[in-house]
Amino acid sequence: MRTIAALFLLFLTLAVGYLAYHMGSEFAAPAPREVGAAPPDLNAQPVAFAGLKGWFVSAGAGAPCVLLLHGMRADRRIMVERARLLRHAGYSSLLFDFQAHGESPGEQITFGYLESENARSATAFMRSDLGCTDLAAIGISMGGAAALLGQGPLEVDALVLESVYPTIEETVGNHLNILLNSRYGALLTPLLTLQLKPRLGVDPRGLQPIDKIGDFKGPVLIAGGTIDRETTIAETERLFAAANGPKEFWRVAGAAHVDLLNFAPGPYRAKLLDFLARHLRVPQAAGAGT
């Protein structure tokens, strides 16, 4: 009987280990895809920097600029509506594909670690090559984490963080609960986070946006959906509490882990443009309705 029990325990351990390894592979797998040409009405200029592919949307010489950072397993196209909104309000913008996403090369997604280097390269490119002196950034989910991680928060004048996870353990646990349709799925979290260092070369301690946000001293707008299961509203509130600079919180009623612009276009436009107008130089085209 003891032999049977021991064999069963060994089988169960191997099965759980295999499942965790497979999940880790799926989570970190690259998400390449052909992006194609930018929508004609965007008047976007194709750009490349640090091996990454993107589009620059100009609102005219000297316009203030906004860096747009997409979420995990997405690409620059999900930021097109924001680029349109910003250009109409007089802001130029850069939208690009993170490494291992879209048309940018990369072997594995790193949950904001290597992506933070991409974001830093993008800000340097905008300042040196695109002439952006007044610069803000908008980061969605992993894109927001990338704005905080690595060497520290991006050196921008204002920051918008949408649905950004506070710790890697919490976001992995939330995803496991959803994937396994069980509130106990998060119990497998250590089996995935322990894979980060040997498989990706990423220390889990380097994937804690909540530990970095206090280093950003500029104004920050933090937004989250009240029914988001991937980054809960309580987690978003904790991230907000850890911010040290001038800060604002937007609780988006009824929103899950979705594109907040598409979910609440009117309130989003008003909230974002008011925030940018107060913390960046007001663009000449602002309020022109073009």
Protein backbone atom coordinates (compact mmCIF):
# COMPACT_ATOMS: atom_id res chain seq x y z
CA MET A 1 0.00 0.00 0.00
CA ARG A 2 2.82 2.39 0.86
CA THR A 3 4.50 1.60 -2.44
CA ILE A 4 1.31 2.40 -4.34
CA ALA A 5 0.87 5.64 -2.39
CA ALA A 6 4.48 6.63 -3.08
CA LEU A 7 4.11 5.90 -6.79
CA PHE A 8 0.89 7.89 -6.93
CA LEU A 9 2.57 10.82 -5.18
CA LEU A 10 5.50 10.63 -7.60
CA PHE A 11 3.13 10.53 -10.58
CA LEU A 12 1.16 13.48 -9.22
CA THR A 13 4.34 15.48 -8.63
CA LEU A 14 5.58 14.81 -12.15
CA ALA A 15 2.20 15.65 -13.65
CA VAL A 16 1.99 18.96 -11.78
CA GLY A 17 5.59 19.76 -12.69
CA TYR A 18 4.93 19.07 -16.36
CA LEU A 19 1.79 21.19 -16.28
CA ALA A 20 3.65 24.08 -14.67
CA TYR A 21 6.49 23.83 -17.18
CA HIS A 22 4.04 23.79 -20.08
CA MET A 23 2.20 26.82 -18.68
CA GLY A 24 5.49 28.65 -18.27
CA SER A 25 6.32 27.93 -21.90
CA GLU A 26 2.94 29.25 -23.03
CA PHE A 27 3.14 32.42 -20.93
CA ALA A 28 6.62 33.31 -22.19
CA ALA A 29 6.18 32.23 -25.83
CA PRO A 30 6.80 35.06 -28.32
CA ALA A 31 3.85 36.64 -30.10
CA PRO A 32 5.18 37.54 -33.57
CA ARG A 33 2.77 38.63 -36.25
CA GLU A 34 2.71 40.73 -39.39
CA VAL A 35 1.48 44.21 -38.52
CA GLY A 36 1.45 45.64 -42.02
CA ALA A 37 1.04 49.26 -42.99
CA ALA A 38 -0.40 51.86 -40.68
CA PRO A 39 -3.99 53.00 -41.30
CA PRO A 40 -3.83 55.68 -44.05
CA ASP A 41 -5.63 58.31 -41.96
CA LEU A 42 -2.96 58.03 -39.25
CA ASN A 43 -0.30 59.56 -41.53
CA ALA A 44 2.27 57.53 -39.61
CA GLN A 45 5.95 57.36 -40.44
CA PRO A 46 7.51 53.87 -40.16
CA VAL A 47 10.46 53.92 -37.77
CA ALA A 48 13.04 51.46 -36.47
CA PHE A 49 15.28 51.81 -33.43
CA ALA A 50 17.26 49.37 -31.28
CA GLY A 51 16.01 46.55 -33.53
CA LEU A 52 12.35 47.42 -32.85
CA LYS A 53 9.64 48.35 -35.36
CA GLY A 54 7.12 51.13 -34.89
CA TRP A 55 5.24 54.15 -36.20
CA PHE A 56 5.67 57.82 -35.41
CA VAL A 57 2.57 60.00 -35.69
CA SER A 58 3.47 63.66 -35.90
CA ALA A 59 1.23 66.51 -34.82
CA GLY A 60 3.68 69.05 -36.20
CA ALA A 61 7.12 70.39 -35.43
CA GLY A 62 7.65 71.10 -31.75
CA ALA A 63 4.51 69.32 -30.58
CA PRO A 64 4.66 67.59 -27.19
CA CYS A 65 4.99 63.82 -27.49
CA VAL A 66 3.53 60.68 -25.93
CA LEU A 67 5.10 57.22 -25.92
CA LEU A 68 2.52 54.42 -26.25
CA LEU A 69 3.36 51.06 -24.65
CA HIS A 70 1.11 48.11 -25.50
CA GLY A 71 0.28 45.13 -23.29
CA MET A 72 1.41 41.52 -23.30
CA ARG A 73 0.84 39.45 -26.46
CA ALA A 74 -0.47 42.54 -28.29
CA ASP A 75 1.29 44.87 -30.74
CA ARG A 76 1.35 48.55 -31.70
CA ARG A 77 -2.02 48.37 -33.46
CA ILE A 78 -3.96 48.37 -30.19
CA MET A 79 -2.55 51.86 -29.58
CA VAL A 80 -3.81 53.31 -32.88
CA GLU A 81 -6.95 54.86 -31.40
CA ARG A 82 -4.86 56.57 -28.72
CA ALA A 83 -2.53 57.88 -31.41
CA ARG A 84 -5.52 59.30 -33.30
CA LEU A 85 -6.92 60.88 -30.16
CA LEU A 86 -3.56 62.41 -29.30
CA ARG A 87 -2.84 63.76 -32.77
CA HIS A 88 -6.26 65.43 -32.91
CA ALA A 89 -5.44 67.08 -29.59
CA GLY A 90 -2.04 68.27 -30.83
CA TYR A 91 0.29 65.59 -29.47
CA SER A 92 2.75 63.53 -31.49
CA SER A 93 3.11 59.87 -30.51
CA LEU A 94 5.33 56.84 -30.97
CA LEU A 95 3.79 53.38 -30.99
CA PHE A 96 6.01 50.33 -31.42
CA ASP A 97 6.17 46.56 -30.94
CA PHE A 98 7.97 45.32 -27.83
CA GLN A 99 10.60 42.62 -28.28
CA ALA A 100 9.03 39.22 -29.07
CA HIS A 101 5.83 40.99 -30.15
CA GLY A 102 4.46 41.96 -33.53
CA GLU A 103 7.25 42.68 -36.00
CA SER A 104 10.01 43.16 -33.41
CA PRO A 105 12.37 40.20 -32.93
CA GLY A 106 12.74 38.38 -29.65
CA GLU A 107 12.84 34.84 -28.32
CA GLN A 108 10.63 35.11 -25.24
CA ILE A 109 8.32 37.53 -23.49
CA THR A 110 9.83 38.63 -20.18
CA PHE A 111 6.83 40.27 -18.45
CA GLY A 112 8.35 43.75 -18.49
CA TYR A 113 12.04 42.96 -17.88
CA LEU A 114 13.57 43.20 -21.38
CA GLU A 115 10.56 45.27 -22.38
CA SER A 116 11.72 47.95 -19.93
CA GLU A 117 14.92 48.27 -21.97
CA ASN A 118 12.76 48.66 -25.09
CA ALA A 119 10.79 51.46 -23.43
CA ARG A 120 14.00 53.19 -22.40
CA SER A 121 15.35 52.94 -25.96
CA ALA A 122 12.09 54.41 -27.23
CA THR A 123 12.32 57.47 -24.96
CA ALA A 124 15.94 58.03 -26.03
CA PHE A 125 14.94 57.73 -29.70
CA MET A 126 12.08 60.19 -29.24
CA ARG A 127 14.32 62.77 -27.63
CA SER A 128 17.37 62.38 -29.87
CA ASP A 129 15.88 61.53 -33.27
CA LEU A 130 12.30 62.80 -33.15
CA GLY A 131 12.93 66.07 -31.32
CA CYS A 132 10.59 65.40 -28.41
CA THR A 133 11.37 67.71 -25.50
CA ASP A 134 8.04 67.46 -23.66
CA LEU A 135 7.37 63.75 -23.27
CA ALA A 136 4.76 61.59 -21.50
CA ALA A 137 4.16 57.84 -21.62
CA ILE A 138 1.04 55.67 -21.53
CA GLY A 139 1.53 52.02 -20.58
CA ILE A 140 -1.13 49.30 -20.66
CA SER A 141 -0.68 46.23 -18.44
CA MET A 142 2.82 44.86 -19.23
CA GLY A 143 3.57 48.12 -21.05
CA GLY A 144 2.97 50.02 -17.84
CA ALA A 145 5.19 47.59 -15.94
CA ALA A 146 7.91 48.18 -18.54
CA ALA A 147 7.68 51.92 -17.84
CA LEU A 148 8.68 51.22 -14.22
CA LEU A 149 11.03 48.22 -14.22
CA GLY A 150 14.67 47.68 -15.17
CA GLN A 151 16.88 50.64 -14.32
CA GLY A 152 13.87 52.42 -12.85
CA PRO A 153 10.95 54.48 -14.12
CA LEU A 154 11.21 56.15 -17.50
CA GLU A 155 12.54 59.69 -17.52
CA VAL A 156 9.34 61.28 -18.78
CA ASP A 157 7.39 64.33 -17.69
CA ALA A 158 4.16 62.46 -16.94
CA LEU A 159 3.05 58.85 -16.80
CA VAL A 160 -0.26 57.06 -17.35
CA LEU A 161 -0.53 53.47 -16.09
CA GLU A 162 -3.53 51.36 -17.09
CA SER A 163 -4.27 47.96 -15.50
CA VAL A 164 -0.67 47.44 -14.34
CA TYR A 165 0.18 44.54 -12.06
CA PRO A 166 1.95 45.36 -8.75
CA THR A 167 3.91 42.09 -8.43
CA ILE A 168 4.69 39.20 -10.76
CA GLU A 169 3.37 36.73 -8.19
CA GLU A 170 -0.06 38.37 -8.17
CA THR A 171 -0.45 38.59 -11.92
CA VAL A 172 0.69 34.97 -12.40
CA GLY A 173 -1.70 33.82 -9.67
CA ASN A 174 -4.59 35.74 -11.20
CA HIS A 175 -3.90 34.27 -14.63
CA LEU A 176 -3.75 30.78 -13.18
CA ASN A 177 -7.08 31.24 -11.41
CA ILE A 178 -8.65 32.33 -14.70
CA LEU A 179 -6.97 29.63 -16.78
CA LEU A 180 -7.93 26.82 -14.42
CA ASN A 181 -11.30 28.36 -13.54
CA SER A 182 -10.52 27.95 -9.88
CA ARG A 183 -9.64 30.25 -7.03
CA TYR A 184 -7.01 27.68 -6.06
CA GLY A 185 -5.07 27.97 -9.32
CA ALA A 186 -2.82 30.56 -7.71
CA LEU A 187 -1.36 27.81 -5.52
CA LEU A 188 0.74 26.85 -8.56
CA THR A 189 2.30 30.32 -8.73
CA PRO A 190 5.66 29.34 -7.18
CA LEU A 191 6.06 26.57 -9.77
CA LEU A 192 5.93 29.22 -12.50
CA THR A 193 7.85 32.06 -10.87
CA LEU A 194 10.68 29.66 -10.00
CA GLN A 195 11.14 29.14 -13.75
CA LEU A 196 11.84 32.81 -14.44
CA LYS A 197 15.53 32.80 -13.54
CA PRO A 198 16.65 29.54 -15.21
CA ARG A 199 14.49 29.93 -18.32
CA LEU A 200 14.43 33.70 -18.91
CA GLY A 201 17.34 34.94 -16.82
CA VAL A 202 14.88 37.13 -14.93
CA ASP A 203 14.89 37.37 -11.15
CA PRO A 204 11.31 37.61 -9.86
CA ARG A 205 12.51 40.41 -7.58
CA GLY A 206 13.06 42.47 -10.72
CA LEU A 207 9.41 42.14 -11.71
CA GLN A 208 7.81 44.13 -8.90
CA PRO A 209 6.42 47.42 -10.29
CA ILE A 210 5.14 48.33 -6.84
CA ASP A 211 8.75 48.50 -5.63
CA LYS A 212 9.70 50.89 -8.46
CA ILE A 213 6.80 53.30 -8.76
CA GLY A 214 7.90 55.32 -5.72
CA ASP A 215 11.04 56.31 -7.65
CA PHE A 216 8.96 58.20 -10.22
CA LYS A 217 8.63 61.75 -8.94
CA GLY A 218 6.55 63.15 -11.77
CA PRO A 219 2.76 63.20 -12.06
CA VAL A 220 1.12 59.83 -12.59
CA LEU A 221 -2.42 58.81 -13.52
CA ILE A 222 -3.27 55.23 -12.53
CA ALA A 223 -6.41 53.55 -13.88
CA GLY A 224 -8.01 50.15 -13.39
CA GLY A 225 -11.30 48.35 -13.94
CA THR A 226 -13.47 47.44 -11.01
CA ILE A 227 -14.13 43.90 -12.30
CA ASP A 228 -10.64 43.22 -13.67
CA ARG A 229 -9.59 39.67 -12.71
CA GLU A 230 -6.08 39.86 -14.20
CA THR A 231 -5.12 42.96 -12.20
CA THR A 232 -7.72 43.48 -9.51
CA ILE A 233 -8.86 46.90 -8.42
CA ALA A 234 -7.42 46.22 -4.97
CA GLU A 235 -4.02 45.54 -6.56
CA THR A 236 -4.30 48.74 -8.60
CA GLU A 237 -5.12 50.68 -5.43
CA ARG A 238 -2.00 49.29 -3.77
CA LEU A 239 0.11 50.39 -6.73
CA PHE A 240 -1.43 53.86 -6.44
CA ALA A 241 -0.71 54.01 -2.71
CA ALA A 242 2.97 53.30 -3.38
CA ALA A 243 3.35 56.22 -5.82
CA ASN A 244 5.14 59.24 -4.34
CA GLY A 245 4.73 61.99 -6.90
CA PRO A 246 1.59 63.97 -7.74
CA LYS A 247 -0.92 61.21 -8.41
CA GLU A 248 -4.46 60.62 -9.59
CA PHE A 249 -6.60 57.49 -9.52
CA TRP A 250 -9.33 56.55 -11.97
CA ARG A 251 -11.55 53.65 -10.98
CA VAL A 252 -13.32 52.54 -14.18
CA ALA A 253 -16.66 51.10 -13.08
CA GLY A 254 -17.62 47.84 -14.77
CA ALA A 255 -14.37 47.44 -16.71
CA ALA A 256 -12.48 44.15 -16.81
CA HIS A 257 -8.93 43.74 -18.19
CA VAL A 258 -9.92 45.51 -21.39
CA ASP A 259 -8.88 48.49 -23.46
CA LEU A 260 -10.17 51.34 -21.28
CA LEU A 261 -10.38 53.73 -24.23
CA ASN A 262 -12.73 51.37 -26.08
CA PHE A 263 -14.68 50.64 -22.90
CA ALA A 264 -15.29 54.26 -21.90
CA PRO A 265 -14.22 56.49 -24.82
CA GLY A 266 -15.78 59.74 -23.61
CA PRO A 267 -14.52 59.61 -20.01
CA TYR A 268 -11.15 58.25 -21.15
CA ARG A 269 -10.63 61.10 -23.61
CA ALA A 270 -11.60 63.71 -21.03
CA LYS A 271 -9.49 62.19 -18.26
CA LEU A 272 -6.38 61.71 -20.41
CA LEU A 273 -6.39 65.06 -22.17
CA ASP A 274 -7.04 66.94 -18.93
CA PHE A 275 -4.13 65.13 -17.27
CA LEU A 276 -1.75 65.80 -20.17
CA ALA A 277 -2.79 69.43 -20.48
CA ARG A 278 -1.95 70.02 -16.83
CA HIS A 279 1.42 68.30 -16.91
CA LEU A 280 2.82 68.83 -20.41
CA ARG A 281 3.13 72.00 -22.44
CA VAL A 282 -0.30 72.63 -23.97
CA PRO A 283 -0.08 71.90 -27.72
CA GLN A 284 -1.07 74.63 -30.14
CA ALA A 285 -3.72 72.37 -31.70
CA ALA A 286 -5.39 71.60 -28.36
CA GLY A 287 -9.10 72.25 -28.46
CA ALA A 288 -9.05 72.84 -32.21
CA GLY A 289 -11.21 69.77 -32.81
CA THR A 290 -9.17 68.72 -35.83
